[in-house]
Amino acid sequence: MNRIRRATNALAAGAVLAVGATVVSPVEAEAQERFPDPPPGHGLYSDAVRVGDLVFLAGVVSGDPDPTTQFRQVFQRIERILTDAGSSMEAVIDITTYHIDMHAHIDDFIAVKNEFMPELPSWTAVGVTELYSPGVLIEVKVIAAVTEGTD
């Protein structure tokens, strides 16, 4: 229960950050940690940003041609990023998934998601016509609570 209360309080604080970036003081902005560090060579975005007790992941994809393998690789990468950022799959609060041809693959996706996420975070699934990388069937964004040094 404490973990849920902490995550809820942190999420409420995070909502203020997301709604109006101008409310973030310079001290708070400096408190952001980006993962990986140093940032990836492409220079477009960080895989994750940790602010206070929350970790925000950018959309994670895999280009494997087999849908089930692609979904599994996405969750394996999410797990690695969360671990690096001081969190875990058990601490995921919210996921947003973007699907190409959602109904053709949703059952396989849910089966893989359930292997990796023992808790039931809030989840929004969105069908889209295309994603940035060719051959990608799914993109997954995650918000998780920080678990390092808690409990």
Protein backbone atom coordinates (compact mmCIF):
# COMPACT_ATOMS: atom_id res chain seq x y z
CA MET A 1 0.00 0.00 0.00
CA ASN A 2 2.85 2.39 0.81
CA ARG A 3 4.32 1.81 -2.67
CA ILE A 4 0.97 2.66 -4.27
CA ARG A 5 0.60 5.80 -2.14
CA ARG A 6 4.16 6.92 -3.02
CA ALA A 7 3.55 6.22 -6.70
CA THR A 8 0.26 8.12 -6.63
CA ASN A 9 1.85 11.13 -4.91
CA ALA A 10 4.75 11.06 -7.35
CA LEU A 11 2.39 10.76 -10.31
CA ALA A 12 0.41 13.78 -9.09
CA ALA A 13 3.65 15.76 -8.84
CA GLY A 14 4.68 14.52 -12.28
CA ALA A 15 1.40 15.71 -13.77
CA VAL A 16 2.28 19.27 -12.82
CA LEU A 17 5.63 18.87 -14.56
CA ALA A 18 4.00 17.49 -17.70
CA VAL A 19 1.26 20.10 -17.91
CA GLY A 20 3.37 23.20 -17.65
CA ALA A 21 7.11 22.99 -18.13
CA THR A 22 7.39 26.62 -17.02
CA VAL A 23 6.49 25.58 -13.46
CA VAL A 24 9.67 23.53 -13.16
CA SER A 25 12.31 25.48 -11.28
CA PRO A 26 15.93 25.36 -12.50
CA VAL A 27 16.80 23.23 -9.46
CA GLU A 28 14.09 20.70 -10.35
CA ALA A 29 15.16 20.66 -14.00
CA GLU A 30 18.73 19.86 -12.94
CA ALA A 31 17.37 16.96 -10.87
CA GLN A 32 16.37 15.14 -14.05
CA GLU A 33 18.47 12.10 -14.86
CA ARG A 34 18.60 10.77 -18.40
CA PHE A 35 19.18 7.15 -19.34
CA PRO A 36 21.38 5.99 -20.85
CA ASP A 37 24.14 8.34 -19.81
CA PRO A 38 25.84 9.32 -22.03
CA PRO A 39 22.85 9.68 -24.37
CA PRO A 40 22.53 7.49 -27.47
CA GLY A 41 24.53 8.48 -30.54
CA HIS A 42 21.45 9.48 -32.55
CA GLY A 43 20.96 12.50 -30.29
CA LEU A 44 17.18 12.57 -30.80
CA TYR A 45 15.94 11.63 -27.33
CA SER A 46 16.77 9.82 -24.10
CA ASP A 47 15.48 6.29 -23.59
CA ALA A 48 14.22 7.40 -20.18
CA VAL A 49 14.11 10.46 -17.95
CA ARG A 50 13.93 10.12 -14.18
CA VAL A 51 12.37 13.03 -12.30
CA GLY A 52 11.90 12.62 -8.57
CA ASP A 53 10.16 9.33 -7.90
CA LEU A 54 9.10 8.70 -11.50
CA VAL A 55 10.75 7.26 -14.59
CA PHE A 56 9.33 8.20 -18.01
CA LEU A 57 10.33 5.94 -20.90
CA ALA A 58 10.29 6.99 -24.53
CA GLY A 59 8.47 4.67 -26.91
CA VAL A 60 10.29 1.33 -27.15
CA VAL A 61 10.26 -0.71 -30.37
CA SER A 62 11.84 -3.77 -31.98
CA GLY A 63 12.12 -4.57 -35.67
CA ASP A 64 12.12 -8.37 -35.45
CA PRO A 65 9.95 -9.79 -38.24
CA ASP A 66 8.20 -12.26 -35.90
CA PRO A 67 5.45 -10.43 -33.95
CA THR A 68 5.80 -12.44 -30.72
CA THR A 69 9.59 -12.08 -30.74
CA GLN A 70 9.19 -8.36 -31.43
CA PHE A 71 6.85 -7.92 -28.46
CA ARG A 72 9.16 -9.94 -26.17
CA GLN A 73 12.21 -7.86 -27.22
CA VAL A 74 10.30 -4.65 -26.49
CA PHE A 75 9.52 -5.76 -22.93
CA GLN A 76 13.08 -7.04 -22.40
CA ARG A 77 14.41 -3.62 -23.42
CA ILE A 78 11.87 -1.85 -21.16
CA GLU A 79 13.01 -4.05 -18.28
CA ARG A 80 16.70 -3.14 -18.89
CA ILE A 81 15.97 0.59 -19.13
CA LEU A 82 13.86 0.54 -15.94
CA THR A 83 16.58 -1.33 -14.05
CA ASP A 84 19.20 1.20 -15.18
CA ALA A 85 16.92 4.03 -14.03
CA GLY A 86 16.31 2.52 -10.56
CA SER A 87 12.90 0.99 -11.23
CA SER A 88 11.39 -2.34 -12.23
CA MET A 89 8.57 -3.93 -14.18
CA GLU A 90 6.65 -4.37 -10.90
CA ALA A 91 6.70 -0.59 -10.43
CA VAL A 92 5.11 0.28 -13.78
CA ILE A 93 2.21 2.65 -13.19
CA ASP A 94 1.05 3.33 -16.74
CA ILE A 95 1.67 2.04 -20.25
CA THR A 96 0.57 3.42 -23.59
CA THR A 97 0.85 1.14 -26.61
CA TYR A 98 0.65 2.14 -30.25
CA HIS A 99 -0.32 -0.74 -32.55
CA ILE A 100 -0.17 -1.31 -36.29
CA ASP A 101 -3.04 -3.73 -37.09
CA MET A 102 -3.94 -4.03 -33.42
CA HIS A 103 -6.60 -6.72 -33.67
CA ALA A 104 -4.37 -9.06 -35.70
CA HIS A 105 -1.76 -9.18 -32.90
CA ILE A 106 -3.47 -8.12 -29.67
CA ASP A 107 -3.84 -11.61 -28.17
CA ASP A 108 -0.13 -12.38 -28.70
CA PHE A 109 0.81 -8.94 -27.36
CA ILE A 110 -1.30 -9.41 -24.20
CA ALA A 111 0.25 -12.86 -23.58
CA VAL A 112 3.77 -11.39 -23.77
CA LYS A 113 2.82 -8.31 -21.70
CA ASN A 114 1.46 -10.58 -18.98
CA GLU A 115 4.77 -12.51 -18.85
CA PHE A 116 6.64 -9.30 -18.00
CA MET A 117 4.12 -7.26 -15.98
CA PRO A 118 2.92 -9.04 -12.86
CA GLU A 119 1.05 -5.92 -11.70
CA LEU A 120 -1.82 -4.38 -13.65
CA PRO A 121 -0.84 -0.81 -14.53
CA SER A 122 -3.25 1.51 -16.26
CA TRP A 123 -3.05 0.84 -19.99
CA THR A 124 -4.12 2.76 -23.08
CA ALA A 125 -3.92 0.92 -26.43
CA VAL A 126 -4.06 3.03 -29.58
CA GLY A 127 -4.34 1.77 -33.16
CA VAL A 128 -2.20 3.77 -35.61
CA THR A 129 -1.53 3.60 -39.35
CA GLU A 130 2.24 3.79 -39.09
CA LEU A 131 5.16 4.16 -36.71
CA TYR A 132 8.51 5.87 -37.20
CA SER A 133 10.53 2.69 -37.88
CA PRO A 134 9.56 0.43 -40.80
CA GLY A 135 8.49 -3.09 -39.85
CA VAL A 136 7.60 -2.15 -36.29
CA LEU A 137 4.20 -3.41 -35.13
CA ILE A 138 4.16 -1.85 -31.66
CA GLU A 139 5.60 1.05 -29.71
CA VAL A 140 5.33 1.02 -25.90
CA LYS A 141 5.67 4.05 -23.57
CA VAL A 142 5.95 3.48 -19.84
CA ILE A 143 5.78 5.50 -16.63
CA ALA A 144 7.14 3.74 -13.55
CA ALA A 145 7.84 4.54 -9.91
CA VAL A 146 11.42 4.54 -8.71
CA THR A 147 12.08 1.50 -6.55
CA GLU A 148 15.74 2.04 -5.57
CA GLY A 149 16.01 2.57 -1.84
CA THR A 150 12.24 2.22 -1.22
CA ASP A 151 10.12 -0.30 0.72
